């Protein structure tokens, strides 16, 4: 009698535990967020900067792994992986922005130097 109750309770706990793991909602919003950050980084030219390209690749691999986890019902693990993917994609985006800003500064400096030479050359005549 006691064993039957113990087995019944153990079976109920096992079913509840199994049910909790599979009822975690699919992380669709984190997936969308990571994909948006990935697209933004690509559009800004993250592939042109080696460090940004590395983080972009990591983000893409993490998203692919998260999709596999979601297909297997491992939504909680997938969500954690997608948060990392978003962070890597955002880092790639920041690195790409930094590279673009450095290029813009260099162009502005070259333009200013050229204008200064033109002005000084005109004043010498």
PDB file of N, CA and C in Angstrom:
ATOM      1  N   UNK A   1       0.818  -1.181   0.000  1.00  0.00           N
ATOM      2  CA  UNK A   1       0.000   0.000   0.000  1.00  0.00           C
ATOM      3  C   UNK A   1       0.869   1.255   0.000  1.00  0.00           C
ATOM      4  N   UNK A   2       1.867   1.294   0.876  1.00  0.00           N
ATOM      5  CA  UNK A   2       2.757   2.442   0.932  1.00  0.00           C
ATOM      6  C   UNK A   2       3.571   2.531  -0.358  1.00  0.00           C
ATOM      7  N   UNK A   3       3.995   1.372  -0.859  1.00  0.00           N
ATOM      8  CA  UNK A   3       4.767   1.356  -2.097  1.00  0.00           C
ATOM      9  C   UNK A   3       3.928   1.850  -3.267  1.00  0.00           C
ATOM     10  N   UNK A   4       2.684   1.497  -3.273  1.00  0.00           N
ATOM     11  CA  UNK A   4       1.810   1.948  -4.356  1.00  0.00           C
ATOM     12  C   UNK A   4       1.670   3.468  -4.330  1.00  0.00           C
ATOM     13  N   UNK A   5       1.484   4.018  -3.167  1.00  0.00           N
ATOM     14  CA  UNK A   5       1.377   5.482  -3.041  1.00  0.00           C
ATOM     15  C   UNK A   5       2.690   6.149  -3.433  1.00  0.00           C
ATOM     16  N   UNK A   6       3.791   5.573  -3.007  1.00  0.00           N
ATOM     17  CA  UNK A   6       5.104   6.131  -3.339  1.00  0.00           C
ATOM     18  C   UNK A   6       5.315   6.117  -4.843  1.00  0.00           C
ATOM     19  N   UNK A   7       4.984   5.001  -5.477  1.00  0.00           N
ATOM     20  CA  UNK A   7       5.122   4.912  -6.929  1.00  0.00           C
ATOM     21  C   UNK A   7       4.189   5.879  -7.639  1.00  0.00           C
ATOM     22  N   UNK A   8       2.980   6.024  -7.140  1.00  0.00           N
ATOM     23  CA  UNK A   8       2.020   6.948  -7.736  1.00  0.00           C
ATOM     24  C   UNK A   8       2.523   8.379  -7.630  1.00  0.00           C
ATOM     25  N   UNK A   9       3.030   8.747  -6.473  1.00  0.00           N
ATOM     26  CA  UNK A   9       3.570  10.100  -6.265  1.00  0.00           C
ATOM     27  C   UNK A   9       4.795  10.308  -7.154  1.00  0.00           C
ATOM     28  N   UNK A  10       5.667   9.323  -7.218  1.00  0.00           N
ATOM     29  CA  UNK A  10       6.865   9.437  -8.052  1.00  0.00           C
ATOM     30  C   UNK A  10       6.488   9.588  -9.528  1.00  0.00           C
ATOM     31  N   UNK A  11       5.504   8.820  -9.966  1.00  0.00           N
ATOM     32  CA  UNK A  11       5.053   8.923 -11.350  1.00  0.00           C
ATOM     33  C   UNK A  11       4.438  10.301 -11.616  1.00  0.00           C
ATOM     34  N   UNK A  12       3.666  10.811 -10.679  1.00  0.00           N
ATOM     35  CA  UNK A  12       3.051  12.127 -10.840  1.00  0.00           C
ATOM     36  C   UNK A  12       4.111  13.217 -10.901  1.00  0.00           C
ATOM     37  N   UNK A  13       5.114  13.126 -10.052  1.00  0.00           N
ATOM     38  CA  UNK A  13       6.212  14.106 -10.062  1.00  0.00           C
ATOM     39  C   UNK A  13       6.972  14.041 -11.382  1.00  0.00           C
ATOM     40  N   UNK A  14       7.223  12.843 -11.857  1.00  0.00           N
ATOM     41  CA  UNK A  14       7.934  12.679 -13.126  1.00  0.00           C
ATOM     42  C   UNK A  14       7.143  13.283 -14.279  1.00  0.00           C
ATOM     43  N   UNK A  15       5.834  13.064 -14.294  1.00  0.00           N
ATOM     44  CA  UNK A  15       5.004  13.610 -15.371  1.00  0.00           C
ATOM     45  C   UNK A  15       4.954  15.132 -15.288  1.00  0.00           C
ATOM     46  N   UNK A  16       4.851  15.673 -14.090  1.00  0.00           N
ATOM     47  CA  UNK A  16       4.829  17.129 -13.934  1.00  0.00           C
ATOM     48  C   UNK A  16       6.155  17.743 -14.349  1.00  0.00           C
ATOM     49  N   UNK A  17       7.240  17.101 -13.978  1.00  0.00           N
ATOM     50  CA  UNK A  17       8.559  17.598 -14.346  1.00  0.00           C
ATOM     51  C   UNK A  17       8.737  17.555 -15.855  1.00  0.00           C
ATOM     52  N   UNK A  18       8.336  16.499 -16.483  1.00  0.00           N
ATOM     53  CA  UNK A  18       8.440  16.388 -17.941  1.00  0.00           C
ATOM     54  C   UNK A  18       7.551  17.412 -18.619  1.00  0.00           C
ATOM     55  N   UNK A  19       6.395  17.633 -18.073  1.00  0.00           N
ATOM     56  CA  UNK A  19       5.471  18.601 -18.652  1.00  0.00           C
ATOM     57  C   UNK A  19       5.987  20.018 -18.556  1.00  0.00           C
ATOM     58  N   UNK A  20       6.674  20.354 -17.471  1.00  0.00           N
ATOM     59  CA  UNK A  20       7.202  21.711 -17.291  1.00  0.00           C
ATOM     60  C   UNK A  20       8.256  22.036 -18.334  1.00  0.00           C
ATOM     61  N   UNK A  21       9.115  21.082 -18.638  1.00  0.00           N
ATOM     62  CA  UNK A  21      10.174  21.319 -19.611  1.00  0.00           C
ATOM     63  C   UNK A  21       9.640  21.561 -21.011  1.00  0.00           C
ATOM     64  N   UNK A  22       8.595  20.878 -21.376  1.00  0.00           N
ATOM     65  CA  UNK A  22       8.099  21.006 -22.742  1.00  0.00           C
ATOM     66  C   UNK A  22       7.125  22.163 -22.903  1.00  0.00           C
ATOM     67  N   UNK A  23       6.656  22.736 -21.792  1.00  0.00           N
ATOM     68  CA  UNK A  23       5.686  23.813 -21.908  1.00  0.00           C
ATOM     69  C   UNK A  23       6.342  25.190 -21.973  1.00  0.00           C
ATOM     70  N   UNK A  24       7.662  25.247 -21.942  1.00  0.00           N
ATOM     71  CA  UNK A  24       8.351  26.534 -22.058  1.00  0.00           C
ATOM     72  C   UNK A  24       8.084  27.087 -23.458  1.00  0.00           C
ATOM     73  N   UNK A  25       7.630  28.321 -23.564  1.00  0.00           N
ATOM     74  CA  UNK A  25       7.241  28.851 -24.875  1.00  0.00           C
ATOM     75  C   UNK A  25       8.428  29.002 -25.828  1.00  0.00           C
ATOM     76  N   UNK A  26       8.144  28.857 -27.095  1.00  0.00           N
ATOM     77  CA  UNK A  26       9.174  29.024 -28.119  1.00  0.00           C
ATOM     78  C   UNK A  26       9.677  30.465 -28.093  1.00  0.00           C
ATOM     79  N   UNK A  27      10.982  30.659 -28.113  1.00  0.00           N
ATOM     80  CA  UNK A  27      11.546  32.010 -28.022  1.00  0.00           C
ATOM     81  C   UNK A  27      11.529  32.734 -29.375  1.00  0.00           C
ATOM     82  N   UNK A  28      10.338  32.994 -29.878  1.00  0.00           N
ATOM     83  CA  UNK A  28      10.225  33.625 -31.198  1.00  0.00           C
ATOM     84  C   UNK A  28      10.709  35.072 -31.196  1.00  0.00           C
ATOM     85  N   UNK A  29      10.431  35.816 -30.127  1.00  0.00           N
ATOM     86  CA  UNK A  29      10.887  37.216 -30.083  1.00  0.00           C
ATOM     87  C   UNK A  29      12.409  37.306 -29.976  1.00  0.00           C
ATOM     88  N   UNK A  30      13.052  36.520 -29.107  1.00  0.00           N
ATOM     89  CA  UNK A  30      14.520  36.546 -29.096  1.00  0.00           C
ATOM     90  C   UNK A  30      15.127  36.143 -30.443  1.00  0.00           C
ATOM     91  N   UNK A  31      14.479  35.220 -31.142  1.00  0.00           N
ATOM     92  CA  UNK A  31      14.966  34.837 -32.467  1.00  0.00           C
ATOM     93  C   UNK A  31      14.856  36.014 -33.423  1.00  0.00           C
ATOM     94  N   UNK A  32      13.734  36.699 -33.416  1.00  0.00           N
ATOM     95  CA  UNK A  32      13.554  37.870 -34.280  1.00  0.00           C
ATOM     96  C   UNK A  32      14.557  38.966 -33.941  1.00  0.00           C
ATOM     97  N   UNK A  33      14.791  39.175 -32.658  1.00  0.00           N
ATOM     98  CA  UNK A  33      15.743  40.200 -32.229  1.00  0.00           C
ATOM     99  C   UNK A  33      17.156  39.878 -32.712  1.00  0.00           C
ATOM    100  N   UNK A  34      17.560  38.633 -32.577  1.00  0.00           N
ATOM    101  CA  UNK A  34      18.899  38.220 -33.012  1.00  0.00           C
ATOM    102  C   UNK A  34      19.026  38.340 -34.527  1.00  0.00           C
ATOM    103  N   UNK A  35      17.979  37.953 -35.259  1.00  0.00           N
ATOM    104  CA  UNK A  35      18.014  38.058 -36.721  1.00  0.00           C
ATOM    105  C   UNK A  35      18.084  39.514 -37.166  1.00  0.00           C
ATOM    106  N   UNK A  36      17.372  40.401 -36.467  1.00  0.00           N
ATOM    107  CA  UNK A  36      17.394  41.821 -36.822  1.00  0.00           C
ATOM    108  C   UNK A  36      18.783  42.417 -36.591  1.00  0.00           C
ATOM    109  N   UNK A  37      19.403  42.065 -35.485  1.00  0.00           N
ATOM    110  CA  UNK A  37      20.753  42.552 -35.195  1.00  0.00           C
ATOM    111  C   UNK A  37      21.744  42.017 -36.226  1.00  0.00           C
ATOM    112  N   UNK A  38      21.561  40.772 -36.633  1.00  0.00           N
ATOM    113  CA  UNK A  38      22.415  40.154 -37.651  1.00  0.00           C
ATOM    114  C   UNK A  38      22.281  40.893 -38.987  1.00  0.00           C
ATOM    115  N   UNK A  39      21.048  41.168 -39.388  1.00  0.00           N
ATOM    116  CA  UNK A  39      20.821  41.888 -40.648  1.00  0.00           C
ATOM    117  C   UNK A  39      21.434  43.285 -40.608  1.00  0.00           C
ATOM    118  N   UNK A  40      21.248  43.976 -39.504  1.00  0.00           N
ATOM    119  CA  UNK A  40      21.796  45.328 -39.370  1.00  0.00           C
ATOM    120  C   UNK A  40      23.313  45.317 -39.493  1.00  0.00           C
ATOM    121  N   UNK A  41      23.934  44.363 -38.843  1.00  0.00           N
ATOM    122  CA  UNK A  41      25.395  44.262 -38.912  1.00  0.00           C
ATOM    123  C   UNK A  41      25.854  43.972 -40.340  1.00  0.00           C
ATOM    124  N   UNK A  42      25.143  43.091 -41.026  1.00  0.00           N
ATOM    125  CA  UNK A  42      25.505  42.782 -42.407  1.00  0.00           C
ATOM    126  C   UNK A  42      25.342  43.997 -43.314  1.00  0.00           C
ATOM    127  N   UNK A  43      24.240  44.725 -43.119  1.00  0.00           N
ATOM    128  CA  UNK A  43      23.976  45.895 -43.956  1.00  0.00           C
ATOM    129  C   UNK A  43      25.007  46.997 -43.735  1.00  0.00           C
ATOM    130  N   UNK A  44      25.544  47.082 -42.540  1.00  0.00           N
ATOM    131  CA  UNK A  44      26.536  48.114 -42.237  1.00  0.00           C
ATOM    132  C   UNK A  44      27.940  47.683 -42.649  1.00  0.00           C
ATOM    133  N   UNK A  45      28.078  46.464 -43.121  1.00  0.00           N
ATOM    134  CA  UNK A  45      29.364  46.014 -43.637  1.00  0.00           C
ATOM    135  C   UNK A  45      30.249  45.313 -42.622  1.00  0.00           C
ATOM    136  N   UNK A  46      29.651  44.561 -41.718  1.00  0.00           N
ATOM    137  CA  UNK A  46      30.434  43.848 -40.707  1.00  0.00           C
ATOM    138  C   UNK A  46      31.386  42.836 -41.339  1.00  0.00           C
ATOM    139  N   UNK A  47      31.087  42.383 -42.551  1.00  0.00           N
ATOM    140  CA  UNK A  47      31.968  41.419 -43.214  1.00  0.00           C
ATOM    141  C   UNK A  47      33.310  42.028 -43.596  1.00  0.00           C
ATOM    142  N   UNK A  48      33.390  43.369 -43.649  1.00  0.00           N
ATOM    143  CA  UNK A  48      34.626  44.035 -44.053  1.00  0.00           C
ATOM    144  C   UNK A  48      35.631  44.146 -42.904  1.00  0.00           C
ATOM    145  N   UNK A  49      35.174  44.027 -41.675  1.00  0.00           N
ATOM    146  CA  UNK A  49      36.049  44.132 -40.511  1.00  0.00           C
ATOM    147  C   UNK A  49      36.230  42.738 -39.919  1.00  0.00           C
ATOM    148  N   UNK A  50      37.486  42.274 -39.770  1.00  0.00           N
ATOM    149  CA  UNK A  50      37.714  40.899 -39.284  1.00  0.00           C
ATOM    150  C   UNK A  50      37.066  40.594 -37.931  1.00  0.00           C
ATOM    151  N   UNK A  51      37.170  41.500 -36.986  1.00  0.00           N
ATOM    152  CA  UNK A  51      36.590  41.246 -35.653  1.00  0.00           C
ATOM    153  C   UNK A  51      35.068  41.200 -35.736  1.00  0.00           C
ATOM    154  N   UNK A  52      34.486  42.134 -36.478  1.00  0.00           N
ATOM    155  CA  UNK A  52      33.028  42.155 -36.633  1.00  0.00           C
ATOM    156  C   UNK A  52      32.549  40.906 -37.365  1.00  0.00           C
ATOM    157  N   UNK A  53      33.307  40.494 -38.358  1.00  0.00           N
ATOM    158  CA  UNK A  53      32.949  39.301 -39.130  1.00  0.00           C
ATOM    159  C   UNK A  53      32.942  38.055 -38.241  1.00  0.00           C
ATOM    160  N   UNK A  54      33.906  37.971 -37.339  1.00  0.00           N
ATOM    161  CA  UNK A  54      33.979  36.833 -36.421  1.00  0.00           C
ATOM    162  C   UNK A  54      32.737  36.783 -35.528  1.00  0.00           C
ATOM    163  N   UNK A  55      32.365  37.922 -34.953  1.00  0.00           N
ATOM    164  CA  UNK A  55      31.206  37.945 -34.060  1.00  0.00           C
ATOM    165  C   UNK A  55      29.911  37.704 -34.829  1.00  0.00           C
ATOM    166  N   UNK A  56      29.866  38.158 -36.055  1.00  0.00           N
ATOM    167  CA  UNK A  56      28.700  37.904 -36.898  1.00  0.00           C
ATOM    168  C   UNK A  56      28.571  36.412 -37.182  1.00  0.00           C
ATOM    169  N   UNK A  57      29.691  35.765 -37.462  1.00  0.00           N
ATOM    170  CA  UNK A  57      29.691  34.318 -37.718  1.00  0.00           C
ATOM    171  C   UNK A  57      29.255  33.554 -36.462  1.00  0.00           C
ATOM    172  N   UNK A  58      29.750  33.969 -35.310  1.00  0.00           N
ATOM    173  CA  UNK A  58      29.344  33.326 -34.055  1.00  0.00           C
ATOM    174  C   UNK A  58      27.839  33.463 -33.844  1.00  0.00           C
ATOM    175  N   UNK A  59      27.324  34.656 -34.094  1.00  0.00           N
ATOM    176  CA  UNK A  59      25.881  34.891 -33.922  1.00  0.00           C
ATOM    177  C   UNK A  59      25.077  33.991 -34.852  1.00  0.00           C
ATOM    178  N   UNK A  60      25.525  33.860 -36.083  1.00  0.00           N
ATOM    179  CA  UNK A  60      24.802  33.031 -37.051  1.00  0.00           C
ATOM    180  C   UNK A  60      24.836  31.558 -36.648  1.00  0.00           C
ATOM    181  N   UNK A  61      25.973  31.096 -36.152  1.00  0.00           N
ATOM    182  CA  UNK A  61      26.071  29.710 -35.694  1.00  0.00           C
ATOM    183  C   UNK A  61      25.166  29.470 -34.487  1.00  0.00           C
ATOM    184  N   UNK A  62      25.129  30.434 -33.578  1.00  0.00           N
ATOM    185  CA  UNK A  62      24.297  30.299 -32.396  1.00  0.00           C
ATOM    186  C   UNK A  62      22.818  30.282 -32.778  1.00  0.00           C
ATOM    187  N   UNK A  63      22.435  31.109 -33.751  1.00  0.00           N
ATOM    188  CA  UNK A  63      21.037  31.105 -34.193  1.00  0.00           C
ATOM    189  C   UNK A  63      20.672  29.769 -34.824  1.00  0.00           C
ATOM    190  N   UNK A  64      21.565  29.214 -35.615  1.00  0.00           N
ATOM    191  CA  UNK A  64      21.310  27.919 -36.241  1.00  0.00           C
ATOM    192  C   UNK A  64      21.153  26.829 -35.174  1.00  0.00           C
ATOM    193  N   UNK A  65      22.031  26.853 -34.181  1.00  0.00           N
ATOM    194  CA  UNK A  65      21.927  25.871 -33.089  1.00  0.00           C
ATOM    195  C   UNK A  65      20.653  26.065 -32.285  1.00  0.00           C
ATOM    196  N   UNK A  66      20.264  27.312 -32.074  1.00  0.00           N
ATOM    197  CA  UNK A  66      19.034  27.599 -31.327  1.00  0.00           C
ATOM    198  C   UNK A  66      17.811  27.074 -32.084  1.00  0.00           C
ATOM    199  N   UNK A  67      17.809  27.201 -33.395  1.00  0.00           N
ATOM    200  CA  UNK A  67      16.686  26.690 -34.193  1.00  0.00           C
ATOM    201  C   UNK A  67      16.580  25.169 -34.057  1.00  0.00           C
ATOM    202  N   UNK A  68      17.732  24.493 -34.013  1.00  0.00           N
ATOM    203  CA  UNK A  68      17.728  23.036 -33.817  1.00  0.00           C
ATOM    204  C   UNK A  68      17.171  22.689 -32.439  1.00  0.00           C
ATOM    205  N   UNK A  69      17.592  23.454 -31.434  1.00  0.00           N
ATOM    206  CA  UNK A  69      17.091  23.218 -30.081  1.00  0.00           C
ATOM    207  C   UNK A  69      15.577  23.440 -30.019  1.00  0.00           C
ATOM    208  N   UNK A  70      15.097  24.468 -30.687  1.00  0.00           N
ATOM    209  CA  UNK A  70      13.660  24.740 -30.711  1.00  0.00           C
ATOM    210  C   UNK A  70      12.907  23.579 -31.363  1.00  0.00           C
ATOM    211  N   UNK A  71      13.467  23.050 -32.431  1.00  0.00           N
ATOM    212  CA  UNK A  71      12.829  21.922 -33.118  1.00  0.00           C
ATOM    213  C   UNK A  71      12.770  20.690 -32.212  1.00  0.00           C
ATOM    214  N   UNK A  72      13.744  20.577 -31.309  1.00  0.00           N
ATOM    215  CA  UNK A  72      13.788  19.456 -30.362  1.00  0.00           C
ATOM    216  C   UNK A  72      12.999  19.741 -29.083  1.00  0.00           C
ATOM    217  N   UNK A  73      12.366  20.906 -29.009  1.00  0.00           N
ATOM    218  CA  UNK A  73      11.581  21.256 -27.833  1.00  0.00           C
ATOM    219  C   UNK A  73      12.398  21.820 -26.682  1.00  0.00           C
ATOM    220  N   UNK A  74      13.642  22.113 -26.915  1.00  0.00           N
ATOM    221  CA  UNK A  74      14.537  22.658 -25.885  1.00  0.00           C
ATOM    222  C   UNK A  74      14.494  24.190 -25.938  1.00  0.00           C
ATOM    223  N   UNK A  75      13.313  24.746 -25.702  1.00  0.00           N
ATOM    224  CA  UNK A  75      13.106  26.184 -25.878  1.00  0.00           C
ATOM    225  C   UNK A  75      13.873  27.047 -24.887  1.00  0.00           C
ATOM    226  N   UNK A  76      14.024  26.584 -23.674  1.00  0.00           N
ATOM    227  CA  UNK A  76      14.739  27.368 -22.660  1.00  0.00           C
ATOM    228  C   UNK A  76      16.217  27.500 -23.041  1.00  0.00           C
ATOM    229  N   UNK A  77      16.828  26.399 -23.464  1.00  0.00           N
ATOM    230  CA  UNK A  77      18.226  26.436 -23.914  1.00  0.00           C
ATOM    231  C   UNK A  77      18.356  27.284 -25.170  1.00  0.00           C
ATOM    232  N   UNK A  78      17.375  27.168 -26.063  1.00  0.00           N
ATOM    233  CA  UNK A  78      17.395  27.949 -27.292  1.00  0.00           C
ATOM    234  C   UNK A  78      17.335  29.440 -26.988  1.00  0.00           C
ATOM    235  N   UNK A  79      16.508  29.805 -26.015  1.00  0.00           N
ATOM    236  CA  UNK A  79      16.389  31.221 -25.658  1.00  0.00           C
ATOM    237  C   UNK A  79      17.722  31.770 -25.142  1.00  0.00           C
ATOM    238  N   UNK A  80      18.387  31.013 -24.304  1.00  0.00           N
ATOM    239  CA  UNK A  80      19.691  31.451 -23.782  1.00  0.00           C
ATOM    240  C   UNK A  80      20.692  31.619 -24.911  1.00  0.00           C
ATOM    241  N   UNK A  81      20.684  30.696 -25.847  1.00  0.00           N
ATOM    242  CA  UNK A  81      21.593  30.767 -26.984  1.00  0.00           C
ATOM    243  C   UNK A  81      21.262  31.965 -27.880  1.00  0.00           C
ATOM    244  N   UNK A  82      19.981  32.260 -28.032  1.00  0.00           N
ATOM    245  CA  UNK A  82      19.570  33.400 -28.852  1.00  0.00           C
ATOM    246  C   UNK A  82      19.962  34.732 -28.209  1.00  0.00           C
ATOM    247  N   UNK A  83      19.959  34.778 -26.893  1.00  0.00           N
ATOM    248  CA  UNK A  83      20.416  35.998 -26.213  1.00  0.00           C
ATOM    249  C   UNK A  83      21.903  36.224 -26.471  1.00  0.00           C
ATOM    250  N   UNK A  84      22.663  35.150 -26.475  1.00  0.00           N
ATOM    251  CA  UNK A  84      24.093  35.254 -26.813  1.00  0.00           C
ATOM    252  C   UNK A  84      24.278  35.642 -28.267  1.00  0.00           C
ATOM    253  N   UNK A  85      23.453  35.085 -29.147  1.00  0.00           N
ATOM    254  CA  UNK A  85      23.545  35.398 -30.569  1.00  0.00           C
ATOM    255  C   UNK A  85      23.256  36.878 -30.806  1.00  0.00           C
ATOM    256  N   UNK A  86      22.245  37.384 -30.136  1.00  0.00           N
ATOM    257  CA  UNK A  86      21.915  38.806 -30.279  1.00  0.00           C
ATOM    258  C   UNK A  86      23.068  39.678 -29.798  1.00  0.00           C
ATOM    259  N   UNK A  87      23.667  39.303 -28.670  1.00  0.00           N
ATOM    260  CA  UNK A  87      24.797  40.073 -28.137  1.00  0.00           C
ATOM    261  C   UNK A  87      25.972  40.071 -29.114  1.00  0.00           C
ATOM    262  N   UNK A  88      26.271  38.908 -29.701  1.00  0.00           N
ATOM    263  CA  UNK A  88      27.360  38.834 -30.680  1.00  0.00           C
ATOM    264  C   UNK A  88      27.044  39.648 -31.930  1.00  0.00           C
ATOM    265  N   UNK A  89      25.812  39.586 -32.394  1.00  0.00           N
ATOM    266  CA  UNK A  89      25.423  40.361 -33.571  1.00  0.00           C
ATOM    267  C   UNK A  89      25.485  41.858 -33.283  1.00  0.00           C
ATOM    268  N   UNK A  90      25.068  42.260 -32.087  1.00  0.00           N
ATOM    269  CA  UNK A  90      25.144  43.674 -31.719  1.00  0.00           C
ATOM    270  C   UNK A  90      26.591  44.135 -31.582  1.00  0.00           C
ATOM    271  N   UNK A  91      27.460  43.266 -31.093  1.00  0.00           N
ATOM    272  CA  UNK A  91      28.879  43.594 -31.026  1.00  0.00           C
ATOM    273  C   UNK A  91      29.444  43.754 -32.434  1.00  0.00           C
ATOM    274  N   UNK A  92      29.068  42.864 -33.335  1.00  0.00           N
ATOM    275  CA  UNK A  92      29.504  42.984 -34.732  1.00  0.00           C
ATOM    276  C   UNK A  92      29.016  44.306 -35.323  1.00  0.00           C
ATOM    277  N   UNK A  93      27.790  44.662 -35.019  1.00  0.00           N
ATOM    278  CA  UNK A  93      27.232  45.928 -35.496  1.00  0.00           C
ATOM    279  C   UNK A  93      28.030  47.112 -34.951  1.00  0.00           C
ATOM    280  N   UNK A  94      28.355  47.089 -33.668  1.00  0.00           N
ATOM    281  CA  UNK A  94      29.129  48.176 -33.058  1.00  0.00           C
ATOM    282  C   UNK A  94      30.522  48.273 -33.671  1.00  0.00           C
ATOM    283  N   UNK A  95      31.146  47.131 -33.885  1.00  0.00           N
ATOM    284  CA  UNK A  95      32.478  47.131 -34.495  1.00  0.00           C
ATOM    285  C   UNK A  95      32.426  47.652 -35.930  1.00  0.00           C
ATOM    286  N   UNK A  96      31.381  47.305 -36.659  1.00  0.00           N
ATOM    287  CA  UNK A  96      31.226  47.795 -38.024  1.00  0.00           C
ATOM    288  C   UNK A  96      30.997  49.309 -38.024  1.00  0.00           C
ATOM    289  N   UNK A  97      30.203  49.798 -37.083  1.00  0.00           N
ATOM    290  CA  UNK A  97      29.975  51.252 -36.967  1.00  0.00           C
ATOM    291  C   UNK A  97      31.277  51.973 -36.647  1.00  0.00           C
ATOM    292  N   UNK A  98      32.060  51.386 -35.753  1.00  0.00           N
ATOM    293  CA  UNK A  98      33.342  51.990 -35.398  1.00  0.00           C
ATOM    294  C   UNK A  98      34.250  52.069 -36.615  1.00  0.00           C
ATOM    295  N   UNK A  99      34.305  51.000 -37.387  1.00  0.00           N
ATOM    296  CA  UNK A  99      35.142  50.968 -38.588  1.00  0.00           C
ATOM    297  C   UNK A  99      34.671  52.019 -39.587  1.00  0.00           C
ATOM    298  N   UNK A 100      33.359  52.141 -39.751  1.00  0.00           N
ATOM    299  CA  UNK A 100      32.812  53.139 -40.671  1.00  0.00           C
ATOM    300  C   UNK A 100      33.144  54.546 -40.191  1.00  0.00           C
ATOM    301  N   UNK A 101      33.033  54.781 -38.900  1.00  0.00           N
ATOM    302  CA  UNK A 101      33.348  56.101 -38.337  1.00  0.00           C
ATOM    303  C   UNK A 101      34.821  56.445 -38.551  1.00  0.00           C
ATOM    304  N   UNK A 102      35.701  55.470 -38.370  1.00  0.00           N
ATOM    305  CA  UNK A 102      37.122  55.714 -38.612  1.00  0.00           C
ATOM    306  C   UNK A 102      37.373  56.062 -40.075  1.00  0.00           C
ATOM    307  N   UNK A 103      36.688  55.375 -40.975  1.00  0.00           N
ATOM    308  CA  UNK A 103      36.824  55.680 -42.399  1.00  0.00           C
ATOM    309  C   UNK A 103      36.307  57.077 -42.726  1.00  0.00           C
ATOM    310  N   UNK A 104      35.193  57.462 -42.107  1.00  0.00           N
ATOM    311  CA  UNK A 104      34.635  58.801 -42.321  1.00  0.00           C
ATOM    312  C   UNK A 104      35.588  59.879 -41.810  1.00  0.00           C
ATOM    313  N   UNK A 105      36.217  59.633 -40.661  1.00  0.00           N
ATOM    314  CA  UNK A 105      37.179  60.588 -40.106  1.00  0.00           C
ATOM    315  C   UNK A 105      38.374  60.724 -41.037  1.00  0.00           C
ATOM    316  N   UNK A 106      38.849  59.600 -41.547  1.00  0.00           N
ATOM    317  CA  UNK A 106      40.000  59.633 -42.457  1.00  0.00           C
ATOM    318  C   UNK A 106      39.659  60.414 -43.724  1.00  0.00           C
ATOM    319  N   UNK A 107      38.473  60.187 -44.283  1.00  0.00           N
ATOM    320  CA  UNK A 107      38.065  60.926 -45.486  1.00  0.00           C
ATOM    321  C   UNK A 107      37.952  62.416 -45.215  1.00  0.00           C
ATOM    322  N   UNK A 108      37.378  62.774 -44.071  1.00  0.00           N
ATOM    323  CA  UNK A 108      37.229  64.176 -43.710  1.00  0.00           C
ATOM    324  C   UNK A 108      38.592  64.836 -43.515  1.00  0.00           C
ATOM    325  N   UNK A 109      39.518  64.109 -42.903  1.00  0.00           N
ATOM    326  CA  UNK A 109      40.868  64.637 -42.689  1.00  0.00           C
ATOM    327  C   UNK A 109      41.568  64.856 -44.022  1.00  0.00           C
ATOM    328  N   UNK A 110      41.453  63.892 -44.922  1.00  0.00           N
ATOM    329  CA  UNK A 110      42.079  64.025 -46.234  1.00  0.00           C
ATOM    330  C   UNK A 110      41.477  65.192 -47.016  1.00  0.00           C
ATOM    331  N   UNK A 111      40.171  65.351 -46.923  1.00  0.00           N
ATOM    332  CA  UNK A 111      39.494  66.455 -47.624  1.00  0.00           C
ATOM    333  C   UNK A 111      39.947  67.800 -47.055  1.00  0.00           C
ATOM    334  N   UNK A 112      40.044  67.887 -45.726  1.00  0.00           N
ATOM    335  CA  UNK A 112      40.477  69.130 -45.090  1.00  0.00           C
ATOM    336  C   UNK A 112      41.919  69.451 -45.461  1.00  0.00           C
ATOM    337  N   UNK A 113      42.761  68.434 -45.498  1.00  0.00           N
ATOM    338  CA  UNK A 113      44.160  68.635 -45.876  1.00  0.00           C
ATOM    339  C   UNK A 113      44.261  69.134 -47.309  1.00  0.00           C
ATOM    340  N   UNK A 114      43.486  68.543 -48.184  1.00  0.00           N
ATOM    341  CA  UNK A 114      43.482  68.953 -49.589  1.00  0.00           C
ATOM    342  C   UNK A 114      42.993  70.394 -49.730  1.00  0.00           C
ATOM    343  N   UNK A 115      41.939  70.749 -49.027  1.00  0.00           N
ATOM    344  CA  UNK A 115      41.416  72.122 -49.082  1.00  0.00           C
ATOM    345  C   UNK A 115      42.443  73.112 -48.543  1.00  0.00           C
ATOM    346  N   UNK A 116      43.145  72.726 -47.492  1.00  0.00           N
ATOM    347  CA  UNK A 116      44.166  73.603 -46.924  1.00  0.00           C
ATOM    348  C   UNK A 116      45.288  73.829 -47.931  1.00  0.00           C
ATOM    349  N   UNK A 117      45.684  72.785 -48.638  1.00  0.00           N
ATOM    350  CA  UNK A 117      46.726  72.904 -49.652  1.00  0.00           C
ATOM    351  C   UNK A 117      46.280  73.814 -50.791  1.00  0.00           C
ATOM    352  N   UNK A 118      45.028  73.696 -51.194  1.00  0.00           N
ATOM    353  CA  UNK A 118      44.488  74.507 -52.282  1.00  0.00           C
ATOM    354  C   UNK A 118      44.469  75.981 -51.854  1.00  0.00           C
ATOM    355  N   UNK A 119      44.025  76.232 -50.633  1.00  0.00           N
ATOM    356  CA  UNK A 119      43.971  77.606 -50.130  1.00  0.00           C
ATOM    357  C   UNK A 119      45.365  78.189 -50.008  1.00  0.00           C
ATOM    358  N   UNK A 120      46.296  77.425 -49.455  1.00  0.00           N
ATOM    359  CA  UNK A 120      47.670  77.902 -49.299  1.00  0.00           C
ATOM    360  C   UNK A 120      48.333  78.098 -50.659  1.00  0.00           C
ATOM    361  N   UNK A 121      48.030  77.224 -51.599  1.00  0.00           N
ATOM    362  CA  UNK A 121      48.589  77.354 -52.945  1.00  0.00           C
ATOM    363  C   UNK A 121      48.042  78.589 -53.648  1.00  0.00           C
ATOM    364  N   UNK A 122      46.752  78.897 -53.431  1.00  0.00           N
ATOM    365  CA  UNK A 122      46.149  80.080 -54.022  1.00  0.00           C
ATOM    366  C   UNK A 122      46.673  81.359 -53.410  1.00  0.00           C
ATOM    367  N   UNK A 123      46.995  81.336 -52.152  1.00  0.00           N
ATOM    368  CA  UNK A 123      47.501  82.520 -51.450  1.00  0.00           C
ATOM    369  C   UNK A 123      48.948  82.802 -51.847  1.00  0.00           C
ATOM    370  N   UNK A 124      49.697  81.764 -52.240  1.00  0.00           N
ATOM    371  CA  UNK A 124      51.100  81.932 -52.605  1.00  0.00           C
ATOM    372  C   UNK A 124      51.227  82.606 -53.959  1.00  0.00           C
ATOM    373  N   UNK A 125      50.221  82.538 -54.800  1.00  0.00           N
ATOM    374  CA  UNK A 125      50.315  83.117 -56.141  1.00  0.00           C
ATOM    375  C   UNK A 125      50.212  84.569 -56.087  1.00  0.00           C
TER     376      UNK A 125
END
